[in-house]
N, C-alpha and C. Protein backbone atom coordinates (compact mmCIF):
# COMPACT_ATOMS: atom_id res chain seq x y z
N UNK A 1 -33.43 3.85 152.46
CA UNK A 1 -33.45 5.09 153.16
C UNK A 1 -34.84 5.12 153.59
N UNK A 2 -34.92 5.61 154.47
CA UNK A 2 -36.15 6.47 154.95
C UNK A 2 -35.97 7.77 155.69
N UNK A 3 -37.31 8.73 155.08
CA UNK A 3 -37.11 10.34 155.55
C UNK A 3 -38.56 10.09 156.05
N UNK A 4 -38.83 11.24 156.34
CA UNK A 4 -40.52 11.58 156.92
C UNK A 4 -40.48 13.15 156.95
N UNK A 5 -41.54 13.70 156.40
CA UNK A 5 -41.36 15.15 156.44
C UNK A 5 -42.83 15.50 156.42
N UNK A 6 -43.31 16.49 156.42
CA UNK A 6 -44.54 17.08 156.66
C UNK A 6 -44.60 18.45 155.84
N UNK A 7 -45.68 18.56 154.35
CA UNK A 7 -45.39 19.05 153.25
C UNK A 7 -46.10 20.62 154.40
N UNK A 8 -46.64 21.47 153.02
CA UNK A 8 -46.74 23.24 153.50
C UNK A 8 -48.48 22.89 153.40
N UNK A 9 -49.28 21.69 153.64
CA UNK A 9 -50.37 21.60 153.35
C UNK A 9 -51.11 20.63 154.84
N UNK A 10 -49.42 19.98 155.44
CA UNK A 10 -49.94 19.32 156.62
C UNK A 10 -49.85 17.71 156.23
N UNK A 11 -49.53 17.08 155.34
CA UNK A 11 -49.89 15.96 155.03
C UNK A 11 -47.95 15.35 155.45
N UNK A 12 -48.01 14.18 155.48
CA UNK A 12 -46.87 14.03 156.73
C UNK A 12 -46.59 12.49 155.67
N UNK A 13 -45.81 12.57 154.57
CA UNK A 13 -45.15 12.00 153.84
C UNK A 13 -43.64 11.05 154.56
N UNK A 14 -43.68 9.88 154.25
CA UNK A 14 -42.03 9.09 153.57
C UNK A 14 -41.91 8.85 152.55
N UNK A 15 -40.51 8.97 152.24
CA UNK A 15 -40.15 9.12 151.44
C UNK A 15 -38.99 8.05 152.00
N UNK A 16 -38.71 6.71 150.38
CA UNK A 16 -37.89 5.98 150.38
C UNK A 16 -37.58 5.42 149.13
N UNK A 17 -36.18 5.06 148.91
CA UNK A 17 -35.84 4.55 148.10
C UNK A 17 -36.35 3.01 147.47
N UNK A 18 -36.05 2.45 146.29
CA UNK A 18 -36.89 1.24 145.91
C UNK A 18 -36.10 0.90 144.73
N UNK A 19 -35.11 -0.14 144.93
CA UNK A 19 -34.38 -0.51 143.56
C UNK A 19 -34.41 -2.19 143.66
N UNK A 20 -35.71 -2.51 142.29
CA UNK A 20 -36.38 -3.37 142.29
C UNK A 20 -35.24 -4.62 141.28
N UNK A 21 -35.83 -5.95 141.89
CA UNK A 21 -34.70 -6.76 141.28
C UNK A 21 -35.56 -8.04 140.56
N UNK A 22 -34.94 -8.13 139.21
CA UNK A 22 -35.39 -9.07 138.02
C UNK A 22 -35.43 -10.38 138.79
N UNK A 23 -35.76 -11.31 137.85
CA UNK A 23 -35.66 -12.69 137.94
C UNK A 23 -34.17 -13.14 138.47
N UNK A 24 -34.10 -14.31 138.92
CA UNK A 24 -32.74 -14.74 139.22
C UNK A 24 -32.15 -15.63 138.90
N UNK A 25 -31.08 -15.68 138.81
CA UNK A 25 -30.43 -16.46 137.51
C UNK A 25 -30.35 -18.00 138.10
N UNK A 26 -30.50 -18.39 139.57
CA UNK A 26 -30.67 -19.28 140.16
C UNK A 26 -31.90 -19.92 139.80
N UNK A 27 -33.21 -19.13 140.03
CA UNK A 27 -34.71 -19.85 138.96
C UNK A 27 -34.46 -19.97 138.06
N UNK A 28 -33.91 -19.27 137.49
CA UNK A 28 -33.79 -19.43 135.60
C UNK A 28 -33.12 -20.80 135.22
N UNK A 29 -32.04 -21.07 136.05
CA UNK A 29 -31.24 -22.08 135.50
C UNK A 29 -30.18 -21.45 134.84
N UNK A 30 -29.52 -19.71 134.58
CA UNK A 30 -28.82 -19.98 133.87
C UNK A 30 -28.92 -18.25 134.20
N UNK A 31 -27.87 -17.57 133.27
CA UNK A 31 -27.98 -16.02 133.09
C UNK A 31 -28.88 -15.03 132.67
N UNK A 32 -29.11 -14.20 133.56
CA UNK A 32 -30.06 -13.33 132.83
C UNK A 32 -30.05 -12.17 132.05
N UNK A 33 -30.96 -12.37 131.23
CA UNK A 33 -30.47 -11.34 129.57
C UNK A 33 -30.68 -9.86 130.57
N UNK A 34 -29.81 -8.85 130.70
CA UNK A 34 -30.15 -7.35 131.27
C UNK A 34 -31.38 -6.68 130.71
N UNK A 35 -32.14 -7.37 129.84
CA UNK A 35 -33.73 -7.08 129.31
C UNK A 35 -34.50 -7.67 130.08
N UNK A 36 -34.61 -8.28 131.25
CA UNK A 36 -35.07 -8.94 132.05
C UNK A 36 -35.54 -8.06 133.27
N UNK A 37 -34.47 -7.59 133.35
CA UNK A 37 -35.36 -6.62 135.00
C UNK A 37 -35.70 -5.61 134.04
N UNK A 38 -35.69 -5.08 133.18
CA UNK A 38 -36.30 -3.80 132.71
C UNK A 38 -38.03 -4.39 132.13
N UNK A 39 -37.99 -5.56 131.82
CA UNK A 39 -39.34 -6.34 131.26
C UNK A 39 -40.60 -6.35 132.34
N UNK A 40 -39.88 -6.46 133.04
CA UNK A 40 -40.14 -6.87 134.61
C UNK A 40 -41.37 -5.40 134.78
N UNK A 41 -41.21 -4.34 134.73
CA UNK A 41 -41.50 -3.22 135.04
C UNK A 41 -42.08 -2.26 133.72
N UNK A 42 -43.20 -1.72 134.06
CA UNK A 42 -44.29 -1.22 133.07
C UNK A 42 -43.46 -0.28 132.41
N UNK A 43 -42.41 0.20 132.84
CA UNK A 43 -41.53 1.48 132.28
C UNK A 43 -40.11 1.32 132.41
N UNK A 44 -39.53 1.30 131.25
CA UNK A 44 -38.00 1.32 131.31
C UNK A 44 -37.70 1.98 132.45
N UNK A 45 -38.26 3.25 132.81
CA UNK A 45 -37.23 4.33 133.89
C UNK A 45 -37.68 3.98 135.30
N UNK A 46 -38.28 3.01 135.37
CA UNK A 46 -38.54 2.28 137.12
C UNK A 46 -37.32 0.51 137.03
N UNK A 47 -36.73 0.40 136.03
CA UNK A 47 -36.05 -0.44 135.94
C UNK A 47 -34.70 -0.39 136.70
N UNK A 48 -34.12 0.95 137.37
CA UNK A 48 -32.98 1.37 138.07
C UNK A 48 -33.24 1.76 139.49
N UNK A 49 -34.81 1.83 139.37
CA UNK A 49 -34.93 2.23 141.19
C UNK A 49 -36.40 3.22 140.78
N UNK A 50 -36.47 3.81 142.02
CA UNK A 50 -37.46 4.86 141.93
C UNK A 50 -37.78 5.57 143.47
N UNK A 51 -37.89 7.20 143.41
CA UNK A 51 -37.94 7.45 144.87
C UNK A 51 -38.99 7.28 145.11
N UNK A 52 -39.87 6.83 146.06
CA UNK A 52 -41.27 6.52 146.39
C UNK A 52 -41.66 7.84 147.65
N UNK A 53 -42.53 8.39 147.41
CA UNK A 53 -43.34 9.10 148.48
C UNK A 53 -44.69 8.80 148.61
N UNK A 54 -45.50 8.24 150.14
CA UNK A 54 -46.40 8.03 150.96
C UNK A 54 -47.24 8.53 151.57
N UNK A 55 -47.83 8.76 151.69
CA UNK A 55 -49.12 9.58 152.35
C UNK A 55 -49.75 8.60 152.57
N UNK A 56 -50.46 8.95 153.86
CA UNK A 56 -51.96 7.85 154.85
C UNK A 56 -52.90 7.97 153.84
N UNK A 57 -52.94 9.12 152.41
CA UNK A 57 -53.97 9.02 150.89
C UNK A 57 -53.00 8.73 149.74
N UNK A 58 -52.29 8.92 149.68
CA UNK A 58 -51.61 8.20 148.17
C UNK A 58 -50.30 7.96 148.33
N UNK A 59 -49.82 7.83 147.37
CA UNK A 59 -48.49 7.25 146.94
C UNK A 59 -48.10 7.40 145.33
N UNK A 60 -46.93 8.03 145.63
CA UNK A 60 -45.83 8.83 144.38
C UNK A 60 -44.43 8.11 143.87
N UNK A 61 -44.09 8.30 142.84
CA UNK A 61 -43.05 8.04 142.59
C UNK A 61 -42.07 9.39 141.28
N UNK A 62 -41.20 8.79 141.76
CA UNK A 62 -39.89 9.63 141.08
C UNK A 62 -38.57 9.04 140.23
N UNK A 63 -38.42 9.88 139.13
CA UNK A 63 -37.56 8.62 138.65
C UNK A 63 -37.17 9.27 137.83
N UNK A 64 -35.30 9.69 137.50
CA UNK A 64 -34.34 8.33 138.56
C UNK A 64 -34.45 9.29 139.65
N UNK A 65 -33.92 8.17 140.46
CA UNK A 65 -33.89 8.85 141.94
C UNK A 65 -32.55 9.68 141.89
N UNK A 66 -32.76 11.08 142.02
CA UNK A 66 -32.25 12.14 142.43
C UNK A 66 -30.96 12.11 143.62
N UNK A 67 -29.95 12.15 142.83
CA UNK A 67 -28.41 12.03 143.76
C UNK A 67 -28.43 12.75 144.80
N UNK A 68 -28.20 11.84 145.84
CA UNK A 68 -27.98 12.82 147.41
C UNK A 68 -29.59 13.18 147.47
N UNK A 69 -30.07 12.37 147.34
CA UNK A 69 -31.47 13.33 147.90
C UNK A 69 -31.55 12.99 149.53
N UNK A 70 -31.16 12.04 150.08
CA UNK A 70 -31.13 11.37 151.58
C UNK A 70 -30.32 12.79 152.12
N UNK A 71 -29.76 13.62 151.30
CA UNK A 71 -29.17 14.60 152.83
C UNK A 71 -29.94 16.18 152.16
N UNK A 72 -30.92 16.06 151.17
CA UNK A 72 -31.03 17.73 150.47
C UNK A 72 -32.19 18.13 151.81
N UNK A 73 -32.65 19.26 152.01
CA UNK A 73 -33.04 20.14 152.68
C UNK A 73 -34.93 19.45 152.76
N UNK A 74 -35.32 19.74 153.72
CA UNK A 74 -36.87 19.44 153.75
C UNK A 74 -37.73 20.14 152.79
N UNK A 75 -37.13 21.69 152.07
CA UNK A 75 -37.77 22.59 151.27
C UNK A 75 -37.51 21.55 149.52
N UNK A 76 -36.20 21.30 149.56
CA UNK A 76 -36.27 20.51 148.54
C UNK A 76 -37.14 19.00 148.51
N UNK A 77 -36.54 18.51 149.51
CA UNK A 77 -37.58 17.40 149.74
C UNK A 77 -39.19 17.07 149.26
N UNK A 78 -39.59 18.81 149.65
CA UNK A 78 -41.33 18.80 149.65
C UNK A 78 -41.25 19.02 147.94
N UNK A 79 -40.30 19.63 147.38
CA UNK A 79 -40.21 20.17 146.04
C UNK A 79 -40.07 18.33 145.35
N UNK A 80 -39.44 17.62 145.41
CA UNK A 80 -38.94 16.84 144.92
C UNK A 80 -40.79 15.61 144.84
N UNK A 81 -41.25 15.67 145.94
CA UNK A 81 -42.57 14.83 146.20
C UNK A 81 -43.33 15.45 145.08
N UNK A 82 -43.50 16.84 145.01
CA UNK A 82 -44.81 17.66 143.91
C UNK A 82 -44.32 17.38 143.09
N UNK A 83 -43.07 16.78 142.47
CA UNK A 83 -42.71 16.89 140.53
C UNK A 83 -42.58 15.35 140.71
N UNK A 84 -43.25 14.18 141.51
CA UNK A 84 -42.96 13.01 141.46
C UNK A 84 -44.58 12.31 140.71
N UNK A 85 -44.53 11.62 139.88
CA UNK A 85 -45.44 10.87 139.36
C UNK A 85 -46.63 10.26 140.54
N UNK A 86 -48.17 10.37 140.15
CA UNK A 86 -49.50 9.57 140.82
C UNK A 86 -48.79 8.44 140.84
N UNK A 87 -48.84 8.03 141.98
CA UNK A 87 -49.26 6.10 141.79
C UNK A 87 -50.42 5.66 142.12
N UNK A 88 -50.91 6.28 143.35
CA UNK A 88 -52.15 5.91 143.72
C UNK A 88 -52.84 6.26 145.10
N UNK A 89 -54.07 6.23 145.00
CA UNK A 89 -54.78 7.27 146.21
C UNK A 89 -55.63 6.23 146.63
N UNK A 90 -55.68 6.40 148.77
CA UNK A 90 -55.98 5.22 149.14
C UNK A 90 -57.71 5.72 148.95
N UNK A 91 -58.33 4.14 149.00
CA UNK A 91 -60.04 4.83 149.39
C UNK A 91 -60.46 4.32 147.55
N UNK A 92 -59.22 4.52 146.27
CA UNK A 92 -59.94 4.73 144.87
C UNK A 92 -60.39 3.36 144.37
N UNK A 93 -60.06 2.33 145.16
CA UNK A 93 -60.78 1.05 144.56
C UNK A 93 -62.35 1.41 145.19
N UNK A 94 -62.81 2.19 146.12
CA UNK A 94 -63.86 1.75 146.98
C UNK A 94 -64.28 2.88 145.91
N UNK A 95 -64.26 3.91 145.65
CA UNK A 95 -64.91 5.20 144.63
C UNK A 95 -65.27 4.35 143.71
N UNK A 96 -64.18 3.46 142.79
CA UNK A 96 -64.69 3.44 141.70
C UNK A 96 -65.80 2.01 141.55
N UNK A 97 -65.40 1.21 142.91
CA UNK A 97 -66.50 0.32 142.81
C UNK A 97 -68.30 0.61 143.17
N UNK A 98 -68.31 1.90 143.87
CA UNK A 98 -69.46 2.71 144.10
C UNK A 98 -70.06 3.16 142.70
N UNK A 99 -68.87 3.64 142.41
CA UNK A 99 -69.66 4.21 140.40
C UNK A 99 -70.32 3.42 139.60
N UNK A 100 -69.23 1.99 139.73
CA UNK A 100 -70.28 1.13 138.69
C UNK A 100 -71.81 0.95 139.79
N UNK A 101 -71.88 0.82 140.53
CA UNK A 101 -72.97 -0.08 140.72
C UNK A 101 -74.16 0.57 140.49
């Protein structure tokens, strides 16, 4: 599901749930160990999915995915976004590159 909202600072956000998939048993030629799904991600917390908040300038992840986040009011959705972990900021790579020159 995708939800869009504008926070109190005027930043426009998209919120959506992400459910990762691990290696396919068809590719591996047999059953997949449950740990394969976990090992594909930097954190065990991300193995069961996360709620992603994305603006033009940054991306955040919240795990575990809150129950019924699709139905919560906009104030609560903004609170979830505020509590999400920082993932990346647009243009950060350009800034990092300039700092090393």
